[in-house]
Amino acid sequence: MPSDYLTLPPNLPVPQDDGAADHLPGTAVPPMVLDSSQGPVDLGDLCSVRAVLYIYPHTGTPGEPLVDGWDAFPGARGCTPESCGFRDHAAELAAVGARVAGLSGQPLEEQIAFAERNRMPFPVIADPHLRLRDALSLPTFDLHGVTFLRRLTLVAERGTIVKAFYPVFPPDRHAGEVLAWLERHFAADHLLNHESCAPGHVRRVRHDNNSDIFAHANPSMTSATASTINAEDRAPGSM
């Protein structure tokens, strides 16, 4: 039976935190190049200033049925509403200096079709061989003999993961959750609509996609600082 991928059904099972992402804050983002809806993406470059990389299991195709048992698996349903949420908050995320990309284990042709169908303004990355899972020991689940990435979102600062949102629920409101976290933690140092290279301020730099990104004039954030930020902000349902 065809499914509506833009809305979430009621009474979905809520994923629980099994600790599978606890090791990620403080970890360096690997300099890995993967294909995307907007061409090859170097994850190291994407995360060289500030980035949000949201990772999800699988987006559906309108008119086609869901994978059998998909709704019953905690955290599986909701990839399209989550992605559309990041699309709708793209300008606000850029305003706090964050580049955004989505990633799943789907092949490139599916990512291109999804991005075109839903007007994604940022790269939708294809990782069919689960290279990022192998590099970062990302959590996965198996259904009908297929391995899927579990839903989680990484916030990176200067090439280091400073926050891992896991588990993510509900996915349709997650982009707003990430934006609120960024505004709370970086409001003091990005100084929107100003250009300065004085210590403690930021400078505006231009990237290949012609978007303005705010880069720290302070030294690079260390892994210890990343772990501290994540620990201070840890709350039920936010990791």
Protein backbone atom coordinates (compact mmCIF):
# COMPACT_ATOMS: atom_id res chain seq x y z
CA MET A 1 0.00 0.00 0.00
CA PRO A 2 1.43 3.45 -0.90
CA SER A 3 2.62 5.52 2.05
CA ASP A 4 2.65 9.21 2.90
CA TYR A 5 6.28 9.92 3.72
CA LEU A 6 5.75 13.57 4.65
CA THR A 7 3.84 12.90 7.88
CA LEU A 8 4.44 10.67 10.87
CA PRO A 9 1.79 8.19 11.99
CA PRO A 10 0.72 8.23 15.66
CA ASN A 11 2.10 5.86 18.28
CA LEU A 12 5.49 5.24 16.69
CA PRO A 13 7.86 3.38 19.05
CA VAL A 14 10.34 5.72 20.72
CA PRO A 15 14.02 4.78 20.31
CA GLN A 16 16.03 4.41 23.50
CA ASP A 17 19.57 5.58 24.16
CA ASP A 18 21.75 2.47 24.11
CA GLY A 19 25.00 4.43 24.41
CA ALA A 20 26.03 3.63 20.83
CA ALA A 21 26.96 7.27 20.13
CA ASP A 22 28.66 8.10 23.43
CA HIS A 23 32.12 7.76 21.90
CA LEU A 24 31.57 10.33 19.14
CA PRO A 25 32.05 13.75 20.86
CA GLY A 26 35.72 14.67 20.70
CA THR A 27 36.32 12.50 17.63
CA ALA A 28 37.84 13.99 14.46
CA VAL A 29 35.72 13.94 11.31
CA PRO A 30 37.52 11.74 8.77
CA PRO A 31 38.71 13.38 5.51
CA MET A 32 36.47 11.16 3.42
CA VAL A 33 35.07 12.01 -0.02
CA LEU A 34 31.58 10.71 -0.81
CA ASP A 35 29.23 11.37 -3.71
CA SER A 36 26.18 13.53 -3.14
CA SER A 37 23.28 15.18 -4.91
CA GLN A 38 25.55 18.21 -5.42
CA GLY A 39 28.72 16.39 -6.42
CA PRO A 40 31.56 14.91 -4.34
CA VAL A 41 31.71 16.07 -0.72
CA ASP A 42 34.86 15.93 1.42
CA LEU A 43 33.54 15.46 4.95
CA GLY A 44 36.72 16.92 6.39
CA ASP A 45 36.21 20.10 4.37
CA LEU A 46 32.48 20.21 5.13
CA CYS A 47 33.26 20.16 8.85
CA SER A 48 36.34 22.39 8.75
CA VAL A 49 34.50 25.36 10.29
CA ARG A 50 31.07 24.39 11.63
CA ALA A 51 28.71 21.78 10.26
CA VAL A 52 25.60 19.75 10.93
CA LEU A 53 25.62 16.26 9.43
CA TYR A 54 22.33 14.48 9.96
CA ILE A 55 22.42 10.74 9.35
CA TYR A 56 19.29 8.72 8.70
CA PRO A 57 18.31 5.17 7.68
CA HIS A 58 16.39 5.45 4.41
CA THR A 59 14.00 7.79 2.62
CA GLY A 60 10.98 6.34 0.85
CA THR A 61 9.67 7.00 -2.64
CA PRO A 62 6.15 8.41 -3.11
CA GLY A 63 3.74 5.76 -4.31
CA GLU A 64 5.90 2.88 -3.13
CA PRO A 65 5.22 0.86 0.04
CA LEU A 66 7.42 1.02 3.11
CA VAL A 67 9.83 -1.75 3.95
CA ASP A 68 7.84 -4.39 5.79
CA GLY A 69 8.06 -3.74 9.54
CA TRP A 70 9.59 -0.27 9.10
CA ASP A 71 7.16 1.57 11.38
CA ALA A 72 7.58 -1.03 14.12
CA PHE A 73 11.35 -0.51 14.38
CA PRO A 74 12.11 2.31 16.86
CA GLY A 75 13.59 5.33 15.09
CA ALA A 76 13.24 4.06 11.53
CA ARG A 77 10.29 6.13 10.31
CA GLY A 78 10.57 9.84 9.58
CA CYS A 79 13.52 10.41 7.26
CA THR A 80 11.62 12.61 4.81
CA PRO A 81 10.02 14.86 7.47
CA GLU A 82 13.42 15.19 9.17
CA SER A 83 15.13 16.19 5.93
CA CYS A 84 12.39 18.67 5.09
CA GLY A 85 12.83 20.17 8.54
CA PHE A 86 16.51 20.82 7.87
CA ARG A 87 15.56 22.25 4.48
CA ASP A 88 13.06 24.62 6.09
CA HIS A 89 15.62 25.74 8.72
CA ALA A 90 18.53 26.00 6.25
CA ALA A 91 18.73 29.79 6.31
CA GLU A 92 18.65 29.93 10.11
CA LEU A 93 21.33 27.25 10.37
CA ALA A 94 23.51 29.18 7.92
CA ALA A 95 22.99 32.29 10.06
CA VAL A 96 24.72 30.54 12.97
CA GLY A 97 27.58 29.53 10.70
CA ALA A 98 26.60 25.91 10.08
CA ARG A 99 26.94 24.08 6.80
CA VAL A 100 24.37 21.27 6.51
CA ALA A 101 24.36 17.90 4.79
CA GLY A 102 22.28 14.75 5.05
CA LEU A 103 23.67 11.23 4.69
CA SER A 104 22.27 7.72 4.36
CA GLY A 105 23.37 4.40 2.95
CA GLN A 106 21.26 4.82 -0.18
CA PRO A 107 22.83 4.87 -3.67
CA LEU A 108 23.57 8.14 -5.42
CA GLU A 109 20.67 7.95 -7.88
CA GLU A 110 18.18 7.72 -5.01
CA GLN A 111 19.80 10.67 -3.22
CA ILE A 112 19.67 12.81 -6.36
CA ALA A 113 16.01 11.96 -6.97
CA PHE A 114 15.14 12.68 -3.33
CA ALA A 115 16.98 16.02 -3.33
CA GLU A 116 15.29 17.12 -6.55
CA ARG A 117 11.85 15.99 -5.43
CA ASN A 118 12.08 17.80 -2.10
CA ARG A 119 14.19 20.81 -3.21
CA MET A 120 17.08 20.16 -0.85
CA PRO A 121 19.40 23.22 -0.82
CA PHE A 122 22.33 21.26 0.64
CA PRO A 123 24.11 18.01 -0.31
CA VAL A 124 22.35 14.70 0.28
CA ILE A 125 25.25 12.28 0.60
CA ALA A 126 25.29 8.69 -0.63
CA ASP A 127 27.23 6.16 1.46
CA PRO A 128 26.07 2.78 0.11
CA HIS A 129 29.19 1.02 1.36
CA LEU A 130 28.76 2.49 4.87
CA ARG A 131 32.26 3.93 4.89
CA LEU A 132 31.40 6.53 7.53
CA ARG A 133 29.98 3.81 9.76
CA ASP A 134 33.27 1.96 9.53
CA ALA A 135 35.34 5.11 10.17
CA LEU A 136 33.34 6.32 13.19
CA SER A 137 31.75 3.09 14.47
CA LEU A 138 28.27 4.49 13.85
CA PRO A 139 25.27 2.53 15.12
CA THR A 140 23.24 0.50 12.63
CA PHE A 141 20.31 -1.91 12.55
CA ASP A 142 19.40 -4.82 10.28
CA LEU A 143 16.02 -5.42 8.68
CA HIS A 144 15.31 -8.19 6.15
CA GLY A 145 19.03 -8.77 5.72
CA VAL A 146 19.81 -5.11 4.93
CA THR A 147 21.96 -2.92 7.21
CA PHE A 148 20.71 0.63 7.82
CA LEU A 149 22.37 3.54 9.64
CA ARG A 150 20.57 4.54 12.81
CA ARG A 151 19.30 8.10 12.95
CA LEU A 152 21.71 10.53 14.61
CA THR A 153 23.04 14.03 14.01
CA LEU A 154 26.62 15.21 14.40
CA VAL A 155 27.61 18.81 15.05
CA ALA A 156 31.24 19.47 14.14
CA GLU A 157 33.40 22.45 14.98
CA ARG A 158 36.83 22.90 13.37
CA GLY A 159 36.88 19.28 12.24
CA THR A 160 35.91 17.81 15.61
CA ILE A 161 32.55 16.37 16.63
CA VAL A 162 31.26 18.47 19.52
CA LYS A 163 27.74 17.08 19.82
CA ALA A 164 25.98 13.85 18.91
CA PHE A 165 22.19 13.90 18.98
CA TYR A 166 21.16 10.28 19.60
CA PRO A 167 18.56 8.93 19.60
CA VAL A 168 16.57 11.41 17.53
CA PHE A 169 12.83 11.61 18.20
CA PRO A 170 10.55 12.93 16.92
CA PRO A 171 12.46 13.40 13.67
CA ASP A 172 10.10 16.00 12.19
CA ARG A 173 11.03 18.48 14.95
CA HIS A 174 14.70 17.62 15.13
CA ALA A 175 16.05 20.44 12.93
CA GLY A 176 14.57 22.98 15.32
CA GLU A 177 16.20 21.14 18.23
CA VAL A 178 19.61 21.32 16.53
CA LEU A 179 19.16 25.00 15.70
CA ALA A 180 18.25 25.81 19.31
CA TRP A 181 21.35 23.96 20.55
CA LEU A 182 23.59 25.86 18.14
CA GLU A 183 22.10 29.20 19.12
CA ARG A 184 22.52 28.38 22.79
CA HIS A 185 26.14 27.26 22.55
CA PHE A 186 27.55 29.58 19.90
CA ALA A 187 25.50 32.77 20.24
CA ALA A 188 28.31 34.40 22.19
CA ASP A 189 31.00 33.86 19.60
CA HIS A 190 29.53 34.12 16.10
CA LEU A 191 28.27 37.74 16.37
CA LEU A 192 25.83 37.66 13.50
CA ASN A 193 25.98 40.38 10.86
CA HIS A 194 29.42 41.61 11.99
CA GLU A 195 32.84 41.14 10.49
CA SER A 196 35.79 41.07 12.82
CA CYS A 197 39.00 39.16 13.27
CA ALA A 198 39.71 40.35 16.79
CA PRO A 199 40.24 37.64 19.41
CA GLY A 200 36.89 36.32 20.60
CA HIS A 201 35.14 37.49 17.45
CA VAL A 202 34.57 35.82 14.12
CA ARG A 203 35.40 36.49 10.51
CA ARG A 204 33.18 35.85 7.52
CA VAL A 205 34.65 33.53 4.93
CA ARG A 206 33.21 32.46 1.60
CA HIS A 207 32.94 28.85 0.55
CA ASP A 208 32.56 27.23 -2.85
CA ASN A 209 28.76 27.28 -2.60
CA ASN A 210 28.88 31.11 -2.27
CA SER A 211 27.33 31.01 1.19
CA ASP A 212 28.76 33.03 4.04
CA ILE A 213 30.10 30.94 6.91
CA PHE A 214 31.36 32.39 10.17
CA ALA A 215 34.80 31.11 11.19
CA HIS A 216 36.29 31.50 14.63
CA ALA A 217 39.15 33.92 15.09
CA ASN A 218 39.95 32.00 18.26
CA PRO A 219 42.24 28.93 18.13
CA SER A 220 40.73 25.61 17.10
CA MET A 221 38.42 23.93 19.53
CA THR A 222 40.11 20.99 21.22
CA SER A 223 38.70 17.51 21.71
CA ALA A 224 38.56 18.15 25.45
CA THR A 225 36.43 21.25 24.89
CA ALA A 226 34.17 19.28 22.58
CA SER A 227 33.63 16.62 25.21
CA THR A 228 32.91 19.27 27.85
CA ILE A 229 30.29 20.97 25.66
CA ASN A 230 28.58 17.66 25.01
CA ALA A 231 28.64 16.59 28.66
CA GLU A 232 27.27 19.91 29.91
CA ASP A 233 24.38 19.79 27.47
CA ARG A 234 23.47 16.12 27.86
CA ALA A 235 19.79 15.74 28.63
CA PRO A 236 17.26 12.91 28.28
CA GLY A 237 16.17 12.55 24.66
CA SER A 238 18.77 14.96 23.28
CA MET A 239 21.62 12.52 22.70
